[in-house]
Amino acid sequence: MAVCGCGWQSLVVERNWGDRTRPAWRVGNRVEAFWLRHLGVSPMSLLSRGDVMVLETTGRRTGRRRFAPVCYVEDDGAIVVGGGAAGMATIPDWVRNLRVNPSAAAWICRRRIDVVAHELSGDERDDAQGAAEKIWPRIPRYALAAGRVIPYFRLQPADGSDLPAATEPVEALRAERHALAATLRAVGSGAPTLIPGWTASDLAAHVAATEQQRGLPTFVGRIAVARWGWRLNDTFRAIMAIDRRRFGRHGFDWALRRLEAPGPRLLERPSLLPVSLFEILVHHEDVRRANSLERTCPVPDVIPSLRWLLRYHRRLLRDLSVVVDLPGQAQLRGGNGSKVVPISGEPADVLLWLAGRQRAAFVDVEGDQQALRALRALRV
């Protein structure tokens, strides 16, 4: 279900343009693999239509570890990769390495997972390529230019288990984003939201604006927000309003098409996932609850987002200390003040309440009136 253009074999039967640039590709692949393993992000991962990981194999001649950046997809608890090599006639090195030694490792989001490779054939291979073409439409061109059959491998975790849950937050973010798009389409452009003065069209334009330029400006801002709790919304509120109006001129349907397409990879980085999920889930609830609609997808795990939000509000809490009691969950605490304010409820409702949507959130809050007024004034 995936195709990649990575790591190359030294023996060439019929050289094409890709094979002639093989030395440059070798250098680029090594740099990409280093970035992905140590930073979790690389130019290839930002520009690719799909997910990118590092495949670690054992050199068939040297026995040394070899690293190749490859695009991949998850399939029923496993990983599927393909050796398209951007249309090169040369079979990628990592393909030949796996055929000799199927024991390998997959580096996903800087986590190393031991895997065992199984080369697909027959209908399984055809199904994998058909699925890959939906994500990478150029695969037929690669096969034609290479003059060979593109090999596909299924990588199963060596311990026989499914992929670790580290990839689930990304899928939860994507599912919530698609649910937001579906809810917006269901209510229409003029529908109200929980944000005063905003319609569904305004909200769609706002989300589209945060994803401009492949999400790079938002990525930079969210790094500061996630790590240091900088309140950039207060600083750049006027600029955000200009962007919202600018993107709103493209129309409601245009914004929905943007939301229905895959989101920027940058905003799915592990360090930013709590903030990105917070943004999408809160805006989804802004539309859904304002129009009394039922939720059509499961509520994702928002505990990491809730922990981040408590840190984000820490400076504003001052002499307050918020203690969050969640059903069947560990107690969360924010602030170091002497005045303790207990809050209890479902995680998503507590998240909304602390995000300034108190009228639409169902929580139990205790404390003196002054403390409650201070908490109700919290905004993101």
Protein backbone atom coordinates (compact mmCIF):
# COMPACT_ATOMS: atom_id res chain seq x y z
CA MET A 1 0.00 0.00 0.00
CA ALA A 2 2.90 2.39 -0.30
CA VAL A 3 5.57 3.47 -2.65
CA CYS A 4 8.84 5.11 -1.91
CA GLY A 5 11.87 6.57 -3.56
CA CYS A 6 14.72 5.68 -1.32
CA GLY A 7 18.07 3.83 -1.12
CA TRP A 8 19.51 2.48 -4.41
CA GLN A 9 21.21 -0.68 -5.68
CA SER A 10 24.68 -0.42 -7.22
CA LEU A 11 24.05 -2.73 -10.21
CA VAL A 12 22.21 -1.02 -13.06
CA VAL A 13 20.87 -2.83 -16.07
CA GLU A 14 19.33 0.02 -18.06
CA ARG A 15 20.14 3.47 -16.75
CA ASN A 16 17.51 6.19 -16.91
CA TRP A 17 17.51 9.77 -15.63
CA GLY A 18 16.94 8.58 -12.08
CA ASP A 19 19.88 6.21 -12.16
CA ARG A 20 22.16 8.92 -13.52
CA THR A 21 21.35 11.08 -10.47
CA ARG A 22 21.88 8.15 -8.09
CA PRO A 23 24.88 9.67 -6.24
CA ALA A 24 22.81 12.73 -5.32
CA TRP A 25 19.94 10.52 -4.18
CA ARG A 26 22.30 8.54 -1.97
CA VAL A 27 23.45 11.68 -0.16
CA GLY A 28 19.90 12.98 0.13
CA ASN A 29 18.63 9.70 1.54
CA ARG A 30 21.27 9.66 4.25
CA VAL A 31 20.38 13.20 5.31
CA GLU A 32 16.65 12.40 5.24
CA ALA A 33 17.14 9.26 7.32
CA PHE A 34 19.19 11.15 9.90
CA TRP A 35 16.58 13.88 10.26
CA LEU A 36 13.72 11.43 10.54
CA ARG A 37 15.45 9.28 13.14
CA HIS A 38 16.62 12.15 15.33
CA LEU A 39 14.15 14.96 14.65
CA GLY A 40 11.08 13.08 13.44
CA VAL A 41 10.67 15.43 10.47
CA SER A 42 12.41 16.01 7.13
CA PRO A 43 11.75 17.78 3.80
CA MET A 44 10.53 14.50 2.31
CA SER A 45 8.04 13.99 5.14
CA LEU A 46 6.69 17.52 4.65
CA LEU A 47 6.25 17.25 0.89
CA SER A 48 5.07 13.65 0.70
CA ARG A 49 1.42 12.80 0.22
CA GLY A 50 1.72 9.99 2.75
CA ASP A 51 3.55 9.02 5.92
CA VAL A 52 7.34 8.68 5.87
CA MET A 53 9.49 6.50 8.11
CA VAL A 54 13.06 5.16 8.17
CA LEU A 55 13.56 1.50 7.26
CA GLU A 56 16.60 -0.05 8.94
CA THR A 57 17.96 -3.15 7.18
CA THR A 58 21.12 -5.24 7.37
CA GLY A 59 23.51 -4.86 4.43
CA ARG A 60 23.55 -8.11 2.45
CA ARG A 61 27.32 -7.83 1.76
CA THR A 62 28.69 -5.85 4.71
CA GLY A 63 26.31 -6.88 7.48
CA ARG A 64 26.18 -3.22 8.59
CA ARG A 65 23.02 -1.31 9.44
CA ARG A 66 21.54 0.60 6.51
CA PHE A 67 18.90 3.32 6.75
CA ALA A 68 16.49 4.36 3.99
CA PRO A 69 13.61 6.86 4.16
CA VAL A 70 10.46 5.25 2.75
CA CYS A 71 6.82 6.20 2.44
CA TYR A 72 4.43 3.76 4.05
CA VAL A 73 0.87 3.09 5.15
CA GLU A 74 -0.50 1.10 8.04
CA ASP A 75 -2.59 -1.92 7.19
CA ASP A 76 -4.31 -3.99 9.85
CA GLY A 77 -1.60 -3.60 12.47
CA ALA A 78 1.30 -3.85 10.00
CA ILE A 79 3.28 -1.59 7.65
CA VAL A 80 3.32 -1.90 3.87
CA VAL A 81 6.10 -0.34 1.78
CA GLY A 82 6.97 -0.50 -1.91
CA GLY A 83 10.20 -0.07 -3.88
CA GLY A 84 9.22 2.34 -6.64
CA ALA A 85 12.49 4.30 -6.26
CA ALA A 86 11.01 7.29 -8.13
CA GLY A 87 11.10 5.32 -11.39
CA MET A 88 14.71 4.15 -11.30
CA ALA A 89 15.57 0.97 -13.18
CA THR A 90 17.79 -0.01 -10.26
CA ILE A 91 16.20 -2.10 -7.53
CA PRO A 92 16.58 -0.23 -4.22
CA ASP A 93 19.25 -1.53 -1.88
CA TRP A 94 16.78 -1.99 0.96
CA VAL A 95 14.67 -4.33 -1.23
CA ARG A 96 17.66 -6.59 -1.92
CA ASN A 97 18.65 -6.44 1.74
CA LEU A 98 15.18 -7.58 2.86
CA ARG A 99 15.19 -10.45 0.37
CA VAL A 100 18.41 -11.73 1.96
CA ASN A 101 17.53 -10.91 5.59
CA PRO A 102 13.86 -10.13 6.35
CA SER A 103 14.63 -8.97 9.90
CA ALA A 104 14.53 -5.17 9.98
CA ALA A 105 13.35 -2.19 12.00
CA ALA A 106 10.95 0.66 11.31
CA TRP A 107 11.60 4.12 12.76
CA ILE A 108 8.27 5.91 13.14
CA CYS A 109 8.06 9.22 14.99
CA ARG A 110 11.57 8.57 16.33
CA ARG A 111 10.51 5.22 17.78
CA ARG A 112 12.26 2.03 16.69
CA ILE A 113 10.05 -1.01 16.05
CA ASP A 114 11.59 -4.39 15.22
CA VAL A 115 9.79 -5.92 12.24
CA VAL A 116 9.90 -8.95 9.98
CA ALA A 117 9.38 -8.40 6.23
CA HIS A 118 7.27 -10.55 3.94
CA GLU A 119 7.33 -9.81 0.20
CA LEU A 120 3.87 -9.69 -1.32
CA SER A 121 2.98 -11.52 -4.51
CA GLY A 122 -0.02 -12.26 -6.67
CA ASP A 123 -3.30 -10.67 -5.61
CA GLU A 124 -1.78 -9.31 -2.38
CA ARG A 125 0.80 -7.36 -4.34
CA ASP A 126 -1.78 -6.09 -6.83
CA ASP A 127 -4.05 -4.96 -4.00
CA ALA A 128 -1.13 -3.15 -2.36
CA GLN A 129 -0.28 -1.29 -5.56
CA GLY A 130 -3.91 -0.42 -6.22
CA ALA A 131 -4.22 1.07 -2.76
CA ALA A 132 -0.91 2.90 -3.17
CA GLU A 133 -2.02 4.51 -6.42
CA LYS A 134 -4.85 6.24 -4.56
CA ILE A 135 -2.24 8.11 -2.51
CA TRP A 136 0.62 8.31 -5.00
CA PRO A 137 -0.92 8.62 -8.50
CA ARG A 138 2.51 8.55 -10.20
CA ILE A 139 3.18 4.91 -9.35
CA PRO A 140 2.23 3.66 -12.86
CA ARG A 141 4.69 6.20 -14.31
CA TYR A 142 7.41 4.93 -11.98
CA ALA A 143 6.80 1.34 -13.05
CA LEU A 144 6.83 2.32 -16.73
CA ALA A 145 10.01 4.39 -16.39
CA ALA A 146 11.77 1.69 -14.37
CA GLY A 147 10.76 -1.13 -16.72
CA ARG A 148 10.31 -3.50 -13.78
CA VAL A 149 7.65 -4.72 -11.38
CA ILE A 150 7.55 -2.64 -8.20
CA PRO A 151 8.04 -4.92 -5.16
CA TYR A 152 5.91 -4.52 -2.02
CA PHE A 153 6.66 -5.75 1.48
CA ARG A 154 4.49 -6.20 4.52
CA LEU A 155 6.35 -5.39 7.75
CA GLN A 156 4.89 -7.06 10.82
CA PRO A 157 6.17 -6.28 14.35
CA ALA A 158 8.64 -9.01 15.30
CA ASP A 159 6.83 -9.86 18.53
CA GLY A 160 3.66 -10.69 16.58
CA SER A 161 1.69 -7.76 18.00
CA ASP A 162 0.09 -4.88 16.15
CA LEU A 163 1.80 -1.54 15.70
CA PRO A 164 2.20 0.32 18.99
CA ALA A 165 -0.41 2.87 19.92
CA ALA A 166 1.98 5.74 19.15
CA THR A 167 0.31 6.15 15.77
CA GLU A 168 -3.21 6.28 17.22
CA PRO A 169 -3.14 10.01 18.21
CA VAL A 170 -2.41 10.94 14.59
CA GLU A 171 -5.32 8.83 13.38
CA ALA A 172 -7.53 10.38 16.07
CA LEU A 173 -6.58 13.87 14.87
CA ARG A 174 -7.33 12.96 11.27
CA ALA A 175 -10.67 11.38 12.20
CA GLU A 176 -11.67 14.47 14.20
CA ARG A 177 -10.68 16.71 11.30
CA HIS A 178 -12.84 14.71 8.88
CA ALA A 179 -15.69 14.79 11.39
CA LEU A 180 -15.38 18.58 11.60
CA ALA A 181 -15.60 18.84 7.80
CA ALA A 182 -18.66 16.55 7.75
CA THR A 183 -20.39 18.56 10.48
CA LEU A 184 -19.69 21.84 8.71
CA ARG A 185 -21.08 20.47 5.47
CA ALA A 186 -24.18 19.21 7.30
CA VAL A 187 -25.03 22.53 8.98
CA GLY A 188 -24.21 24.86 6.08
CA SER A 189 -22.23 28.09 5.83
CA GLY A 190 -24.59 30.32 7.80
CA ALA A 191 -25.02 28.05 10.82
CA PRO A 192 -24.14 29.47 14.25
CA THR A 193 -21.17 28.41 16.37
CA LEU A 194 -20.26 28.79 20.04
CA ILE A 195 -17.85 31.61 19.11
CA PRO A 196 -19.68 34.96 19.31
CA GLY A 197 -20.08 36.53 15.89
CA TRP A 198 -18.74 33.52 13.99
CA THR A 199 -20.71 31.44 11.53
CA ALA A 200 -19.73 28.01 10.26
CA SER A 201 -18.19 29.72 7.23
CA ASP A 202 -15.98 31.89 9.46
CA LEU A 203 -14.82 28.85 11.42
CA ALA A 204 -14.02 26.88 8.26
CA ALA A 205 -12.01 29.82 6.90
CA HIS A 206 -10.13 30.09 10.20
CA VAL A 207 -9.11 26.43 10.20
CA ALA A 208 -8.08 26.67 6.54
CA ALA A 209 -5.96 29.72 7.38
CA THR A 210 -4.07 27.79 10.06
CA GLU A 211 -3.06 25.26 7.39
CA GLN A 212 -1.72 27.71 4.82
CA GLN A 213 1.77 27.18 3.38
CA ARG A 214 1.62 23.50 4.41
CA GLY A 215 1.06 24.59 8.00
CA LEU A 216 4.55 26.08 8.38
CA PRO A 217 3.57 29.38 10.11
CA THR A 218 1.23 27.52 12.47
CA PHE A 219 3.91 24.88 13.09
CA VAL A 220 6.38 27.52 14.24
CA GLY A 221 3.78 29.16 16.47
CA ARG A 222 2.58 25.92 18.01
CA ILE A 223 6.12 24.93 18.95
CA ALA A 224 6.25 28.02 21.19
CA VAL A 225 2.72 27.36 22.45
CA ALA A 226 3.32 23.67 23.19
CA ARG A 227 6.74 24.02 24.82
CA TRP A 228 6.62 27.35 26.61
CA GLY A 229 2.93 28.21 26.80
CA TRP A 230 3.29 31.47 24.89
CA ARG A 231 -0.13 33.08 24.39
CA LEU A 232 0.35 33.91 20.73
CA ASN A 233 -3.39 34.19 20.03
CA ASP A 234 -3.45 37.37 22.13
CA THR A 235 -0.49 38.81 20.21
CA PHE A 236 -1.57 37.86 16.68
CA ARG A 237 -5.36 38.07 17.01
CA ALA A 238 -5.59 40.93 14.49
CA ILE A 239 -3.46 39.04 11.95
CA MET A 240 -5.58 35.93 12.45
CA ALA A 241 -8.72 37.97 11.76
CA ILE A 242 -7.21 39.27 8.51
CA ASP A 243 -6.28 35.73 7.44
CA ARG A 244 -9.77 34.50 8.27
CA ARG A 245 -11.36 37.17 6.07
CA ARG A 246 -8.84 36.55 3.30
CA PHE A 247 -9.48 32.81 3.23
CA GLY A 248 -13.20 33.40 3.61
CA ARG A 249 -13.23 35.04 0.17
CA HIS A 250 -12.50 31.63 -1.38
CA GLY A 251 -15.92 30.42 -0.27
CA PHE A 252 -17.30 27.84 2.12
CA ASP A 253 -17.05 24.90 -0.29
CA TRP A 254 -13.39 25.66 -0.96
CA ALA A 255 -12.61 25.61 2.77
CA LEU A 256 -14.48 22.32 3.18
CA ARG A 257 -12.51 20.72 0.36
CA ARG A 258 -9.33 21.78 2.17
CA LEU A 259 -10.57 20.14 5.36
CA GLU A 260 -11.62 16.97 3.58
CA ALA A 261 -8.14 16.61 2.02
CA PRO A 262 -5.17 15.32 4.08
CA GLY A 263 -3.94 17.91 6.56
CA PRO A 264 -0.39 19.31 6.82
CA ARG A 265 2.11 16.75 8.07
CA LEU A 266 3.88 19.39 10.14
CA LEU A 267 0.88 19.83 12.42
CA GLU A 268 0.83 16.08 13.11
CA ARG A 269 4.26 16.05 14.74
CA PRO A 270 4.13 14.16 18.07
CA SER A 271 5.20 17.21 20.08
CA LEU A 272 2.34 19.26 18.61
CA LEU A 273 -0.43 16.65 18.64
CA PRO A 274 -1.99 17.80 21.94
CA VAL A 275 -2.32 21.37 20.62
CA SER A 276 -3.46 20.31 17.13
CA LEU A 277 -6.10 17.94 18.53
CA PHE A 278 -7.28 20.62 20.94
CA GLU A 279 -7.75 23.09 18.07
CA ILE A 280 -9.74 20.71 15.87
CA LEU A 281 -11.83 19.10 18.62
CA VAL A 282 -12.86 22.40 20.21
CA HIS A 283 -13.86 23.86 16.85
CA HIS A 284 -15.77 20.68 16.02
CA GLU A 285 -17.68 21.05 19.28
CA ASP A 286 -18.19 24.76 18.53
CA VAL A 287 -20.23 23.76 15.50
CA ARG A 288 -21.79 20.55 16.76
CA ARG A 289 -23.08 21.81 20.11
CA ALA A 290 -24.27 25.13 18.74
CA ASN A 291 -26.51 23.21 16.33
CA SER A 292 -27.54 20.41 18.72
CA LEU A 293 -26.08 17.62 16.59
CA GLU A 294 -25.11 14.16 17.74
CA ARG A 295 -21.45 13.18 17.60
CA THR A 296 -20.80 10.83 14.65
CA CYS A 297 -17.33 9.62 15.71
CA PRO A 298 -15.85 8.48 19.03
CA VAL A 299 -14.43 11.12 21.35
CA PRO A 300 -10.62 10.91 21.07
CA ASP A 301 -8.28 10.73 24.04
CA VAL A 302 -7.96 14.37 25.07
CA ILE A 303 -5.97 13.84 28.28
CA PRO A 304 -2.69 15.04 26.66
CA SER A 305 -4.53 18.12 25.37
CA LEU A 306 -6.00 18.72 28.82
CA ARG A 307 -2.56 18.51 30.44
CA TRP A 308 -1.21 21.00 27.91
CA LEU A 309 -4.14 23.39 28.47
CA LEU A 310 -3.57 23.41 32.23
CA ARG A 311 0.07 24.33 31.62
CA TYR A 312 -1.00 26.96 29.10
CA HIS A 313 -3.29 28.62 31.66
CA ARG A 314 -0.75 28.41 34.48
CA ARG A 315 0.27 32.08 34.36
CA LEU A 316 -3.34 33.25 34.38
CA LEU A 317 -4.32 31.04 37.30
CA ARG A 318 -2.03 33.02 39.63
CA ASP A 319 -3.23 32.21 43.16
CA LEU A 320 -5.57 29.46 41.94
CA SER A 321 -5.00 25.73 41.71
CA VAL A 322 -7.32 23.70 39.47
CA VAL A 323 -7.85 20.06 40.35
CA VAL A 324 -9.52 18.02 37.60
CA ASP A 325 -11.30 14.78 38.52
CA LEU A 326 -12.07 12.58 35.52
CA PRO A 327 -14.16 9.39 35.60
CA GLY A 328 -11.81 6.41 35.81
CA GLN A 329 -8.75 8.61 35.16
CA ALA A 330 -5.88 9.97 37.20
CA GLN A 331 -6.38 13.36 38.81
CA LEU A 332 -4.89 16.33 36.93
CA ARG A 333 -3.70 19.54 38.51
CA GLY A 334 -2.92 22.98 37.11
CA GLY A 335 -1.48 25.98 38.93
CA ASN A 336 0.22 26.23 42.31
CA GLY A 337 -2.08 28.67 44.07
CA SER A 338 -3.54 28.34 47.54
CA LYS A 339 -7.17 28.52 46.38
CA VAL A 340 -8.17 25.07 45.15
CA VAL A 341 -10.97 24.80 42.57
CA PRO A 342 -12.18 21.22 41.91
CA ILE A 343 -13.61 20.47 38.46
CA SER A 344 -15.16 17.14 37.54
CA GLY A 345 -16.70 15.85 34.31
CA GLU A 346 -15.93 14.05 31.10
CA PRO A 347 -12.50 14.96 29.64
CA ALA A 348 -13.93 16.65 26.52
CA ASP A 349 -16.35 18.74 28.61
CA VAL A 350 -13.59 19.83 31.00
CA LEU A 351 -11.47 20.76 27.99
CA LEU A 352 -14.27 22.89 26.56
CA TRP A 353 -14.93 24.52 29.92
CA LEU A 354 -11.29 25.54 30.33
CA ALA A 355 -11.29 26.78 26.70
CA GLY A 356 -13.98 29.36 27.51
CA ARG A 357 -17.04 27.37 26.37
CA GLN A 358 -18.58 27.15 29.86
CA ARG A 359 -22.19 27.43 28.73
CA ALA A 360 -21.90 24.40 26.44
CA ALA A 361 -19.83 22.18 28.75
CA PHE A 362 -21.31 19.85 31.36
CA VAL A 363 -19.01 19.92 34.39
CA ASP A 364 -19.27 20.32 38.14
CA VAL A 365 -17.19 23.19 39.55
CA GLU A 366 -16.76 24.21 43.17
CA GLY A 367 -15.10 27.24 44.72
CA ASP A 368 -15.75 30.79 45.88
CA GLN A 369 -17.29 33.27 43.47
CA GLN A 370 -14.09 35.24 42.90
CA ALA A 371 -12.19 32.11 41.90
CA LEU A 372 -15.00 30.98 39.60
CA ARG A 373 -15.12 34.38 37.90
CA ALA A 374 -11.39 34.17 37.25
CA LEU A 375 -11.73 30.70 35.72
CA ARG A 376 -14.70 31.69 33.56
CA ALA A 377 -12.61 34.53 32.14
CA LEU A 378 -10.03 32.08 30.77
CA ARG A 379 -9.71 32.13 26.98
CA VAL A 380 -7.36 30.48 24.51
